Amino acid sequence: MIAYLNGKLAYKSPALVHIDVHGIGYEVQISLNTYSRIQELDSCKLLTYLQIKEDAHTLYGFFEEAERSLFLLLISVSGVGASTARMMLSSLQPEDIQRAIMMENEKMLEGVKGIGAKTAKRIILELKDKIKKHKDAGTHLSVTVNNTIHEDALNALVTLGIARSMAETAIQKVLKNEPLLQNLEELIKKALKSL
């Protein structure tokens, strides 16, 4: 499998790009979400998923790991193909898709072209627990365009083995006392001391 491509963007459109990697041009299908992140770039790294079918090999590209993870979850649902998953990621922000699944908001999912009531129900049924497990485990499937210092510190503390709820409380305590604190390392150290 091709894990990622890093190269020059020879051609860009909202649906696909041609990425030149040392003289070899790869055609990569992308979502509008990814396009919005790369439209001003001349070169970039795209995380990829290679779909192999009888009649075609199609490469899908993603700007962030969280978007690729959500794409893989979506295509694991019976009746949701890669083009439907890409359409979802183009119509809604990845965090909105997750929120719709977690809150069982079928109407939001049905708003995507190609998603009917049955498919929306199936997506919610099959993915709600999987997304919840990711959140509980502290592995961020949630897609945030600008990862805040708060989230970075929280992820670091959870990685260090501190319970998520305790880490959250400690960080909030520090930020309440020092709302202008912008140094990640400092925030982590102070949060550790307040535990």
N, C-alpha and C. Protein backbone atom coordinates (compact mmCIF):
# COMPACT_ATOMS: atom_id res chain seq x y z
N MET A 1 0.84 -1.19 0.00
CA MET A 1 0.00 0.00 0.00
C MET A 1 0.87 1.24 0.00
N ILE A 2 0.38 2.30 -0.60
CA ILE A 2 1.08 3.57 -0.62
C ILE A 2 0.59 4.37 0.59
N ALA A 3 1.45 4.64 1.54
CA ALA A 3 1.06 5.32 2.77
C ALA A 3 0.88 6.82 2.57
N TYR A 4 1.76 7.43 1.79
CA TYR A 4 1.66 8.86 1.51
C TYR A 4 2.45 9.21 0.28
N LEU A 5 2.18 10.38 -0.26
CA LEU A 5 2.93 10.94 -1.39
C LEU A 5 3.40 12.32 -0.98
N ASN A 6 4.65 12.61 -1.25
CA ASN A 6 5.21 13.92 -0.92
C ASN A 6 5.84 14.47 -2.18
N GLY A 7 5.26 15.52 -2.73
CA GLY A 7 5.82 16.05 -3.96
C GLY A 7 5.17 17.34 -4.40
N LYS A 8 5.43 17.69 -5.66
CA LYS A 8 4.96 18.94 -6.24
C LYS A 8 3.55 18.73 -6.80
N LEU A 9 2.69 19.70 -6.57
CA LEU A 9 1.33 19.63 -7.11
C LEU A 9 1.34 20.14 -8.55
N ALA A 10 1.31 19.21 -9.51
CA ALA A 10 1.37 19.58 -10.92
C ALA A 10 0.02 20.06 -11.42
N TYR A 11 -1.06 19.55 -10.83
CA TYR A 11 -2.42 19.94 -11.21
C TYR A 11 -3.31 19.86 -9.98
N LYS A 12 -4.20 20.86 -9.82
CA LYS A 12 -5.12 20.87 -8.67
C LYS A 12 -6.52 21.18 -9.14
N SER A 13 -7.48 20.42 -8.64
CA SER A 13 -8.89 20.75 -8.82
C SER A 13 -9.56 20.35 -7.51
N PRO A 14 -10.80 20.81 -7.29
CA PRO A 14 -11.47 20.45 -6.03
C PRO A 14 -11.72 18.95 -5.84
N ALA A 15 -11.63 18.17 -6.90
CA ALA A 15 -11.90 16.74 -6.79
C ALA A 15 -10.66 15.87 -6.90
N LEU A 16 -9.63 16.35 -7.59
CA LEU A 16 -8.42 15.53 -7.73
C LEU A 16 -7.19 16.39 -7.95
N VAL A 17 -6.05 15.80 -7.65
CA VAL A 17 -4.77 16.46 -7.90
C VAL A 17 -3.84 15.49 -8.61
N HIS A 18 -2.87 16.05 -9.32
CA HIS A 18 -1.77 15.26 -9.84
C HIS A 18 -0.56 15.69 -9.03
N ILE A 19 0.06 14.72 -8.37
CA ILE A 19 1.21 15.05 -7.53
C ILE A 19 2.45 14.40 -8.14
N ASP A 20 3.45 15.22 -8.41
CA ASP A 20 4.68 14.78 -9.05
C ASP A 20 5.68 14.38 -7.97
N VAL A 21 5.99 13.10 -7.91
CA VAL A 21 6.96 12.59 -6.95
C VAL A 21 8.16 12.06 -7.73
N HIS A 22 9.22 12.86 -7.77
CA HIS A 22 10.45 12.52 -8.50
C HIS A 22 10.18 12.08 -9.93
N GLY A 23 9.36 12.87 -10.63
CA GLY A 23 9.11 12.60 -12.05
C GLY A 23 7.97 11.65 -12.35
N ILE A 24 7.37 11.07 -11.34
CA ILE A 24 6.22 10.19 -11.55
C ILE A 24 4.97 10.94 -11.09
N GLY A 25 3.98 11.03 -11.96
CA GLY A 25 2.76 11.76 -11.64
C GLY A 25 1.66 10.83 -11.16
N TYR A 26 1.18 11.05 -9.95
CA TYR A 26 0.10 10.25 -9.38
C TYR A 26 -1.20 11.06 -9.42
N GLU A 27 -2.28 10.42 -9.88
CA GLU A 27 -3.59 11.05 -9.82
C GLU A 27 -4.22 10.63 -8.51
N VAL A 28 -4.62 11.64 -7.71
CA VAL A 28 -5.14 11.37 -6.37
C VAL A 28 -6.51 12.03 -6.21
N GLN A 29 -7.50 11.24 -5.84
CA GLN A 29 -8.85 11.77 -5.57
C GLN A 29 -8.83 12.42 -4.18
N ILE A 30 -9.39 13.63 -4.08
CA ILE A 30 -9.39 14.33 -2.79
C ILE A 30 -10.79 14.87 -2.47
N SER A 31 -10.98 15.23 -1.22
CA SER A 31 -12.24 15.87 -0.79
C SER A 31 -12.06 17.38 -0.86
N LEU A 32 -13.17 18.09 -0.79
CA LEU A 32 -13.09 19.56 -0.74
C LEU A 32 -12.37 20.03 0.52
N ASN A 33 -12.50 19.25 1.59
CA ASN A 33 -11.82 19.58 2.84
C ASN A 33 -10.31 19.61 2.62
N THR A 34 -9.78 18.58 1.95
CA THR A 34 -8.35 18.54 1.66
C THR A 34 -7.98 19.64 0.67
N TYR A 35 -8.81 19.84 -0.35
CA TYR A 35 -8.53 20.88 -1.35
C TYR A 35 -8.39 22.26 -0.69
N SER A 36 -9.27 22.55 0.27
CA SER A 36 -9.21 23.85 0.93
C SER A 36 -7.89 24.04 1.68
N ARG A 37 -7.28 22.95 2.10
CA ARG A 37 -6.02 23.03 2.83
C ARG A 37 -4.80 23.14 1.91
N ILE A 38 -4.93 22.65 0.66
CA ILE A 38 -3.76 22.62 -0.24
C ILE A 38 -3.84 23.60 -1.40
N GLN A 39 -4.97 24.31 -1.54
CA GLN A 39 -5.15 25.12 -2.75
C GLN A 39 -4.10 26.21 -2.92
N GLU A 40 -3.50 26.67 -1.84
CA GLU A 40 -2.47 27.72 -1.94
C GLU A 40 -1.05 27.15 -2.00
N LEU A 41 -0.92 25.83 -1.88
CA LEU A 41 0.41 25.20 -1.82
C LEU A 41 0.92 24.79 -3.20
N ASP A 42 2.24 24.81 -3.37
CA ASP A 42 2.85 24.32 -4.61
C ASP A 42 3.27 22.87 -4.48
N SER A 43 3.57 22.46 -3.24
CA SER A 43 3.91 21.07 -2.98
C SER A 43 3.37 20.70 -1.61
N CYS A 44 3.16 19.42 -1.39
CA CYS A 44 2.62 19.00 -0.10
C CYS A 44 2.79 17.49 0.08
N LYS A 45 2.44 17.05 1.26
CA LYS A 45 2.43 15.62 1.59
C LYS A 45 0.97 15.23 1.77
N LEU A 46 0.53 14.23 1.01
CA LEU A 46 -0.83 13.72 1.15
C LEU A 46 -0.78 12.29 1.67
N LEU A 47 -1.52 12.03 2.73
CA LEU A 47 -1.68 10.68 3.23
C LEU A 47 -2.63 9.99 2.27
N THR A 48 -2.44 8.71 2.02
CA THR A 48 -3.24 8.08 0.97
C THR A 48 -3.89 6.77 1.39
N TYR A 49 -4.88 6.41 0.61
CA TYR A 49 -5.53 5.10 0.71
C TYR A 49 -5.70 4.60 -0.72
N LEU A 50 -5.19 3.41 -0.99
CA LEU A 50 -5.27 2.83 -2.33
C LEU A 50 -6.40 1.81 -2.35
N GLN A 51 -7.40 2.09 -3.20
CA GLN A 51 -8.52 1.16 -3.33
C GLN A 51 -8.28 0.33 -4.60
N ILE A 52 -8.23 -0.97 -4.45
CA ILE A 52 -8.01 -1.85 -5.59
C ILE A 52 -9.30 -2.60 -5.88
N LYS A 53 -9.80 -2.39 -7.10
CA LYS A 53 -11.00 -3.08 -7.56
C LYS A 53 -10.64 -3.84 -8.83
N GLU A 54 -11.55 -4.66 -9.28
CA GLU A 54 -11.33 -5.44 -10.49
C GLU A 54 -11.00 -4.56 -11.69
N ASP A 55 -11.72 -3.44 -11.80
CA ASP A 55 -11.58 -2.59 -12.99
C ASP A 55 -10.76 -1.31 -12.78
N ALA A 56 -10.29 -1.06 -11.56
CA ALA A 56 -9.54 0.18 -11.33
C ALA A 56 -8.74 0.15 -10.03
N HIS A 57 -7.65 0.89 -10.04
CA HIS A 57 -6.89 1.16 -8.83
C HIS A 57 -7.03 2.66 -8.60
N THR A 58 -7.62 3.06 -7.49
CA THR A 58 -7.88 4.48 -7.23
C THR A 58 -7.17 4.90 -5.95
N LEU A 59 -6.47 6.02 -6.06
CA LEU A 59 -5.72 6.55 -4.92
C LEU A 59 -6.50 7.74 -4.35
N TYR A 60 -6.77 7.69 -3.04
CA TYR A 60 -7.45 8.79 -2.35
C TYR A 60 -6.44 9.48 -1.46
N GLY A 61 -6.47 10.80 -1.43
CA GLY A 61 -5.50 11.56 -0.64
C GLY A 61 -6.16 12.42 0.42
N PHE A 62 -5.43 12.59 1.53
CA PHE A 62 -5.95 13.33 2.69
C PHE A 62 -4.85 14.20 3.26
N PHE A 63 -5.22 15.41 3.65
CA PHE A 63 -4.23 16.33 4.22
C PHE A 63 -3.86 15.93 5.64
N GLU A 64 -4.83 15.35 6.39
CA GLU A 64 -4.59 14.99 7.79
C GLU A 64 -4.92 13.53 8.06
N GLU A 65 -4.25 12.95 9.03
CA GLU A 65 -4.51 11.56 9.42
C GLU A 65 -5.93 11.38 9.93
N ALA A 66 -6.43 12.37 10.64
CA ALA A 66 -7.79 12.25 11.19
C ALA A 66 -8.83 12.12 10.09
N GLU A 67 -8.63 12.83 8.98
CA GLU A 67 -9.57 12.73 7.86
C GLU A 67 -9.47 11.35 7.22
N ARG A 68 -8.25 10.85 7.07
CA ARG A 68 -8.09 9.51 6.49
C ARG A 68 -8.72 8.46 7.40
N SER A 69 -8.54 8.58 8.71
CA SER A 69 -9.13 7.62 9.65
C SER A 69 -10.65 7.62 9.55
N LEU A 70 -11.24 8.82 9.44
CA LEU A 70 -12.69 8.91 9.33
C LEU A 70 -13.16 8.30 8.00
N PHE A 71 -12.42 8.55 6.93
CA PHE A 71 -12.72 7.97 5.62
C PHE A 71 -12.74 6.44 5.71
N LEU A 72 -11.72 5.87 6.35
CA LEU A 72 -11.62 4.41 6.49
C LEU A 72 -12.78 3.86 7.32
N LEU A 73 -13.18 4.59 8.36
CA LEU A 73 -14.34 4.17 9.15
C LEU A 73 -15.60 4.20 8.29
N LEU A 74 -15.77 5.26 7.52
CA LEU A 74 -16.97 5.40 6.70
C LEU A 74 -17.08 4.28 5.66
N ILE A 75 -15.96 3.95 5.00
CA ILE A 75 -16.04 2.91 3.97
C ILE A 75 -16.17 1.51 4.57
N SER A 76 -15.99 1.39 5.88
CA SER A 76 -16.20 0.09 6.53
C SER A 76 -17.68 -0.21 6.72
N VAL A 77 -18.52 0.83 6.56
CA VAL A 77 -19.97 0.66 6.72
C VAL A 77 -20.54 0.06 5.44
N SER A 78 -21.34 -0.97 5.60
CA SER A 78 -21.97 -1.63 4.46
C SER A 78 -22.83 -0.61 3.69
N GLY A 79 -22.60 -0.52 2.39
CA GLY A 79 -23.37 0.41 1.56
C GLY A 79 -22.74 1.77 1.37
N VAL A 80 -21.62 2.01 2.05
CA VAL A 80 -20.90 3.29 1.87
C VAL A 80 -19.60 3.00 1.14
N GLY A 81 -19.54 3.45 -0.09
CA GLY A 81 -18.33 3.26 -0.88
C GLY A 81 -17.39 4.43 -0.73
N ALA A 82 -16.24 4.33 -1.39
CA ALA A 82 -15.23 5.38 -1.30
C ALA A 82 -15.73 6.71 -1.85
N SER A 83 -16.49 6.66 -2.95
CA SER A 83 -16.97 7.93 -3.52
C SER A 83 -18.01 8.59 -2.61
N THR A 84 -18.83 7.78 -1.92
CA THR A 84 -19.80 8.34 -0.98
C THR A 84 -19.08 8.94 0.22
N ALA A 85 -18.07 8.24 0.73
CA ALA A 85 -17.29 8.76 1.87
C ALA A 85 -16.61 10.06 1.49
N ARG A 86 -16.08 10.12 0.27
CA ARG A 86 -15.43 11.36 -0.20
C ARG A 86 -16.45 12.48 -0.32
N MET A 87 -17.65 12.14 -0.80
CA MET A 87 -18.73 13.14 -0.91
C MET A 87 -19.10 13.68 0.47
N MET A 88 -19.14 12.78 1.47
CA MET A 88 -19.44 13.21 2.84
C MET A 88 -18.37 14.18 3.35
N LEU A 89 -17.10 13.84 3.10
CA LEU A 89 -16.00 14.68 3.56
C LEU A 89 -15.91 15.99 2.78
N SER A 90 -16.56 16.03 1.61
CA SER A 90 -16.60 17.27 0.83
C SER A 90 -17.78 18.14 1.25
N SER A 91 -18.87 17.51 1.67
CA SER A 91 -20.09 18.24 2.03
C SER A 91 -20.07 18.76 3.46
N LEU A 92 -19.45 18.00 4.35
CA LEU A 92 -19.42 18.35 5.77
C LEU A 92 -17.98 18.35 6.26
N GLN A 93 -17.70 19.15 7.27
CA GLN A 93 -16.40 19.10 7.92
C GLN A 93 -16.29 17.77 8.66
N PRO A 94 -15.12 17.16 8.72
CA PRO A 94 -14.99 15.88 9.42
C PRO A 94 -15.52 15.90 10.85
N GLU A 95 -15.28 17.01 11.57
CA GLU A 95 -15.78 17.07 12.95
C GLU A 95 -17.30 17.12 13.00
N ASP A 96 -17.93 17.69 11.94
CA ASP A 96 -19.40 17.72 11.87
C ASP A 96 -19.97 16.32 11.63
N ILE A 97 -19.27 15.54 10.82
CA ILE A 97 -19.70 14.15 10.58
C ILE A 97 -19.65 13.37 11.88
N GLN A 98 -18.54 13.53 12.60
CA GLN A 98 -18.41 12.83 13.89
C GLN A 98 -19.49 13.26 14.87
N ARG A 99 -19.73 14.57 14.93
CA ARG A 99 -20.74 15.08 15.84
C ARG A 99 -22.12 14.52 15.47
N ALA A 100 -22.42 14.49 14.16
CA ALA A 100 -23.71 13.96 13.70
C ALA A 100 -23.87 12.50 14.10
N ILE A 101 -22.78 11.73 13.99
CA ILE A 101 -22.83 10.31 14.36
C ILE A 101 -23.02 10.17 15.87
N MET A 102 -22.24 10.91 16.65
CA MET A 102 -22.32 10.81 18.11
C MET A 102 -23.68 11.26 18.65
N MET A 103 -24.27 12.28 18.01
CA MET A 103 -25.54 12.81 18.48
C MET A 103 -26.74 12.19 17.75
N GLU A 104 -26.44 11.19 16.91
CA GLU A 104 -27.46 10.47 16.14
C GLU A 104 -28.33 11.42 15.31
N ASN A 105 -27.66 12.37 14.67
CA ASN A 105 -28.34 13.38 13.85
C ASN A 105 -28.44 12.86 12.41
N GLU A 106 -29.46 12.05 12.16
CA GLU A 106 -29.64 11.45 10.84
C GLU A 106 -29.86 12.51 9.76
N LYS A 107 -30.59 13.56 10.09
CA LYS A 107 -30.93 14.61 9.11
C LYS A 107 -29.68 15.26 8.54
N MET A 108 -28.68 15.49 9.39
CA MET A 108 -27.45 16.11 8.90
C MET A 108 -26.76 15.20 7.89
N LEU A 109 -26.71 13.91 8.19
CA LEU A 109 -26.08 12.96 7.27
C LEU A 109 -26.88 12.81 5.99
N GLU A 110 -28.21 12.84 6.11
CA GLU A 110 -29.08 12.72 4.92
C GLU A 110 -28.94 13.92 4.00
N GLY A 111 -28.42 15.02 4.52
CA GLY A 111 -28.20 16.22 3.71
C GLY A 111 -27.10 16.04 2.68
N VAL A 112 -26.32 14.97 2.80
CA VAL A 112 -25.23 14.69 1.85
C VAL A 112 -25.81 13.93 0.66
N LYS A 113 -25.45 14.37 -0.54
CA LYS A 113 -25.93 13.72 -1.76
C LYS A 113 -25.53 12.23 -1.74
N GLY A 114 -26.50 11.36 -1.95
CA GLY A 114 -26.23 9.93 -1.98
C GLY A 114 -26.47 9.21 -0.66
N ILE A 115 -26.78 9.97 0.39
CA ILE A 115 -27.05 9.35 1.70
C ILE A 115 -28.56 9.44 1.97
N GLY A 116 -29.19 8.27 2.03
CA GLY A 116 -30.61 8.21 2.35
C GLY A 116 -30.81 7.90 3.83
N ALA A 117 -32.06 7.77 4.23
CA ALA A 117 -32.39 7.52 5.63
C ALA A 117 -31.78 6.21 6.13
N LYS A 118 -31.87 5.15 5.33
CA LYS A 118 -31.34 3.84 5.76
C LYS A 118 -29.83 3.89 5.94
N THR A 119 -29.16 4.52 4.99
CA THR A 119 -27.69 4.61 5.07
C THR A 119 -27.27 5.45 6.26
N ALA A 120 -27.97 6.56 6.50
CA ALA A 120 -27.65 7.42 7.65
C ALA A 120 -27.79 6.64 8.95
N LYS A 121 -28.88 5.87 9.07
CA LYS A 121 -29.09 5.05 10.28
C LYS A 121 -27.97 4.02 10.44
N ARG A 122 -27.59 3.39 9.32
CA ARG A 122 -26.55 2.36 9.36
C ARG A 122 -25.20 2.96 9.77
N ILE A 123 -24.89 4.14 9.24
CA ILE A 123 -23.62 4.82 9.60
C ILE A 123 -23.59 5.08 11.10
N ILE A 124 -24.68 5.61 11.62
CA ILE A 124 -24.75 5.92 13.05
C ILE A 124 -24.64 4.64 13.88
N LEU A 125 -25.38 3.63 13.49
CA LEU A 125 -25.39 2.36 14.22
C LEU A 125 -24.01 1.71 14.26
N GLU A 126 -23.34 1.68 13.10
CA GLU A 126 -22.06 0.98 13.01
C GLU A 126 -20.87 1.79 13.52
N LEU A 127 -20.95 3.12 13.49
CA LEU A 127 -19.77 3.91 13.83
C LEU A 127 -19.80 4.62 15.18
N LYS A 128 -20.97 4.74 15.77
CA LYS A 128 -21.07 5.49 17.03
C LYS A 128 -20.12 4.93 18.09
N ASP A 129 -20.15 3.63 18.30
CA ASP A 129 -19.29 3.02 19.32
C ASP A 129 -17.81 3.12 18.95
N LYS A 130 -17.50 2.97 17.66
CA LYS A 130 -16.09 3.05 17.23
C LYS A 130 -15.52 4.44 17.48
N ILE A 131 -16.31 5.47 17.16
CA ILE A 131 -15.85 6.84 17.38
C ILE A 131 -15.73 7.11 18.87
N LYS A 132 -16.69 6.62 19.65
CA LYS A 132 -16.66 6.80 21.10
C LYS A 132 -15.40 6.14 21.69
N LYS A 133 -15.05 4.94 21.19
CA LYS A 133 -13.84 4.24 21.68
C LYS A 133 -12.60 5.07 21.40
N HIS A 134 -12.53 5.67 20.21
CA HIS A 134 -11.37 6.52 19.87
C HIS A 134 -11.27 7.68 20.85
N LYS A 135 -12.42 8.30 21.15
CA LYS A 135 -12.41 9.44 22.06
C LYS A 135 -12.04 9.02 23.47
N ASP A 136 -12.61 7.89 23.93
CA ASP A 136 -12.32 7.40 25.28
C ASP A 136 -10.87 6.99 25.44
N ALA A 137 -10.30 6.43 24.37
CA ALA A 137 -8.91 5.99 24.43
C ALA A 137 -7.94 7.16 24.33
N GLY A 138 -8.50 8.32 23.97
CA GLY A 138 -7.64 9.49 23.85
C GLY A 138 -6.95 9.58 22.51
N THR A 139 -7.22 8.63 21.60
CA THR A 139 -6.65 8.74 20.26
C THR A 139 -7.58 9.64 19.49
N HIS A 140 -7.04 10.74 19.02
CA HIS A 140 -7.91 11.73 18.41
C HIS A 140 -8.23 11.42 16.98
N LEU A 141 -9.47 11.00 16.82
CA LEU A 141 -10.01 10.87 15.48
C LEU A 141 -10.59 12.22 15.13
N SER A 142 -10.92 12.99 16.20
CA SER A 142 -11.54 14.28 15.94
C SER A 142 -10.58 15.15 15.14
N VAL A 143 -11.15 15.82 14.20
CA VAL A 143 -10.36 16.60 13.27
C VAL A 143 -10.47 18.07 13.64
N THR A 144 -9.38 18.64 14.06
CA THR A 144 -9.39 20.06 14.35
C THR A 144 -8.39 20.71 13.44
N VAL A 145 -8.83 21.71 12.72
CA VAL A 145 -7.96 22.36 11.77
C VAL A 145 -6.80 23.03 12.50
N ASN A 146 -7.11 23.74 13.57
CA ASN A 146 -6.05 24.35 14.36
C ASN A 146 -6.04 23.70 15.74
N ASN A 147 -5.12 22.80 15.93
CA ASN A 147 -5.05 22.10 17.20
C ASN A 147 -4.63 23.12 18.27
N THR A 148 -5.45 23.28 19.28
CA THR A 148 -5.15 24.30 20.28
C THR A 148 -4.11 23.80 21.27
N ILE A 149 -3.53 24.73 21.98
CA ILE A 149 -2.54 24.40 23.00
C ILE A 149 -3.19 23.50 24.06
N HIS A 150 -4.46 23.75 24.35
CA HIS A 150 -5.21 22.95 25.32
C HIS A 150 -5.25 21.49 24.88
N GLU A 151 -5.62 21.24 23.62
CA GLU A 151 -5.72 19.87 23.12
C GLU A 151 -4.36 19.19 23.05
N ASP A 152 -3.33 19.95 22.63
CA ASP A 152 -1.97 19.39 22.57
C ASP A 152 -1.51 18.95 23.96
N ALA A 153 -1.77 19.80 24.94
CA ALA A 153 -1.37 19.49 26.31
C ALA A 153 -2.15 18.28 26.83
N LEU A 154 -3.43 18.24 26.52
CA LEU A 154 -4.26 17.11 26.95
C LEU A 154 -3.75 15.80 26.35
N ASN A 155 -3.46 15.82 25.06
CA ASN A 155 -2.93 14.62 24.40
C ASN A 155 -1.60 14.18 25.03
N ALA A 156 -0.75 15.15 25.34
CA ALA A 156 0.55 14.84 25.95
C ALA A 156 0.37 14.18 27.32
N LEU A 157 -0.53 14.74 28.12
CA LEU A 157 -0.75 14.19 29.48
C LEU A 157 -1.37 12.79 29.41
N VAL A 158 -2.29 12.57 28.50
CA VAL A 158 -2.91 11.25 28.34
C VAL A 158 -1.84 10.25 27.90
N THR A 159 -0.96 10.67 27.00
CA THR A 159 0.13 9.81 26.54
C THR A 159 1.07 9.45 27.69
N LEU A 160 1.21 10.36 28.65
CA LEU A 160 2.06 10.10 29.81
C LEU A 160 1.39 9.16 30.83
N GLY A 161 0.14 8.79 30.53
CA GLY A 161 -0.55 7.82 31.39
C GLY A 161 -1.50 8.43 32.42
N ILE A 162 -1.77 9.71 32.29
CA ILE A 162 -2.68 10.37 33.22
C ILE A 162 -4.10 10.22 32.69
N ALA A 163 -5.01 9.94 33.58
CA ALA A 163 -6.42 9.77 33.18
C ALA A 163 -6.91 11.05 32.50
N ARG A 164 -7.66 10.87 31.44
CA ARG A 164 -8.13 12.01 30.64
C ARG A 164 -8.87 13.06 31.47
N SER A 165 -9.75 12.62 32.35
CA SER A 165 -10.54 13.56 33.16
C SER A 165 -9.64 14.35 34.11
N MET A 166 -8.66 13.67 34.71
CA MET A 166 -7.72 14.36 35.61
C MET A 166 -6.87 15.37 34.84
N ALA A 167 -6.42 14.95 33.66
CA ALA A 167 -5.59 15.83 32.82
C ALA A 167 -6.39 17.07 32.41
N GLU A 168 -7.64 16.85 32.02
CA GLU A 168 -8.53 17.95 31.62
C GLU A 168 -8.69 18.96 32.76
N THR A 169 -8.95 18.45 33.97
CA THR A 169 -9.14 19.31 35.14
C THR A 169 -7.87 20.11 35.43
N ALA A 170 -6.72 19.45 35.37
CA ALA A 170 -5.45 20.12 35.66
C ALA A 170 -5.16 21.23 34.66
N ILE A 171 -5.41 20.96 33.38
CA ILE A 171 -5.16 21.97 32.34
C ILE A 171 -6.09 23.16 32.52
N GLN A 172 -7.36 22.89 32.79
CA GLN A 172 -8.32 23.98 32.98
C GLN A 172 -7.94 24.84 34.18
N LYS A 173 -7.44 24.20 35.23
CA LYS A 173 -7.01 24.92 36.43
C LYS A 173 -5.87 25.88 36.11
N VAL A 174 -4.88 25.38 35.36
CA VAL A 174 -3.73 26.21 34.98
C VAL A 174 -4.18 27.36 34.09
N LEU A 175 -5.02 27.07 33.08
CA LEU A 175 -5.45 28.10 32.15
C LEU A 175 -6.38 29.13 32.80
N LYS A 176 -7.06 28.71 33.86
CA LYS A 176 -7.92 29.65 34.58
C LYS A 176 -7.05 30.69 35.31
N ASN A 177 -5.95 30.20 35.91
CA ASN A 177 -5.02 31.10 36.61
C ASN A 177 -4.17 31.93 35.66
N GLU A 178 -3.84 31.35 34.49
CA GLU A 178 -2.99 32.04 33.51
C GLU A 178 -3.61 31.95 32.12
N PRO A 179 -4.68 32.70 31.85
CA PRO A 179 -5.38 32.60 30.58
C PRO A 179 -4.54 32.96 29.34
N LEU A 180 -3.46 33.71 29.53
CA LEU A 180 -2.64 34.12 28.39
C LEU A 180 -1.46 33.17 28.13
N LEU A 181 -1.37 32.11 28.89
CA LEU A 181 -0.27 31.15 28.72
C LEU A 181 -0.33 30.51 27.34
N GLN A 182 0.73 30.65 26.56
CA GLN A 182 0.76 30.11 25.19
C GLN A 182 1.91 29.12 24.96
N ASN A 183 2.69 28.83 25.99
CA ASN A 183 3.81 27.92 25.85
C ASN A 183 3.35 26.51 26.23
N LEU A 184 3.37 25.60 25.27
CA LEU A 184 2.87 24.24 25.48
C LEU A 184 3.64 23.52 26.58
N GLU A 185 4.95 23.60 26.51
CA GLU A 185 5.81 22.92 27.50
C GLU A 185 5.52 23.43 28.91
N GLU A 186 5.36 24.73 29.02
CA GLU A 186 5.06 25.36 30.31
C GLU A 186 3.70 24.88 30.85
N LEU A 187 2.72 24.83 29.95
CA LEU A 187 1.39 24.39 30.34
C LEU A 187 1.41 22.94 30.84
N ILE A 188 2.12 22.09 30.15
CA ILE A 188 2.22 20.68 30.55
C ILE A 188 2.89 20.55 31.93
N LYS A 189 4.00 21.27 32.10
CA LYS A 189 4.71 21.22 33.40
C LYS A 189 3.82 21.69 34.55
N LYS A 190 3.14 22.81 34.34
CA LYS A 190 2.27 23.36 35.39
C LYS A 190 1.08 22.43 35.67
N ALA A 191 0.55 21.83 34.62
CA ALA A 191 -0.57 20.89 34.79
C ALA A 191 -0.11 19.67 35.59
N LEU A 192 1.10 19.19 35.31
CA LEU A 192 1.65 18.04 36.04
C LEU A 192 1.83 18.38 37.52
N LYS A 193 2.29 19.60 37.80
CA LYS A 193 2.48 20.02 39.20
C LYS A 193 1.16 20.14 39.94
N SER A 194 0.08 20.50 39.22
CA SER A 194 -1.19 20.70 39.89
C SER A 194 -1.96 19.40 40.12
N LEU A 195 -1.42 18.29 39.63
CA LEU A 195 -2.09 16.99 39.82
C LEU A 195 -1.91 16.48 41.23
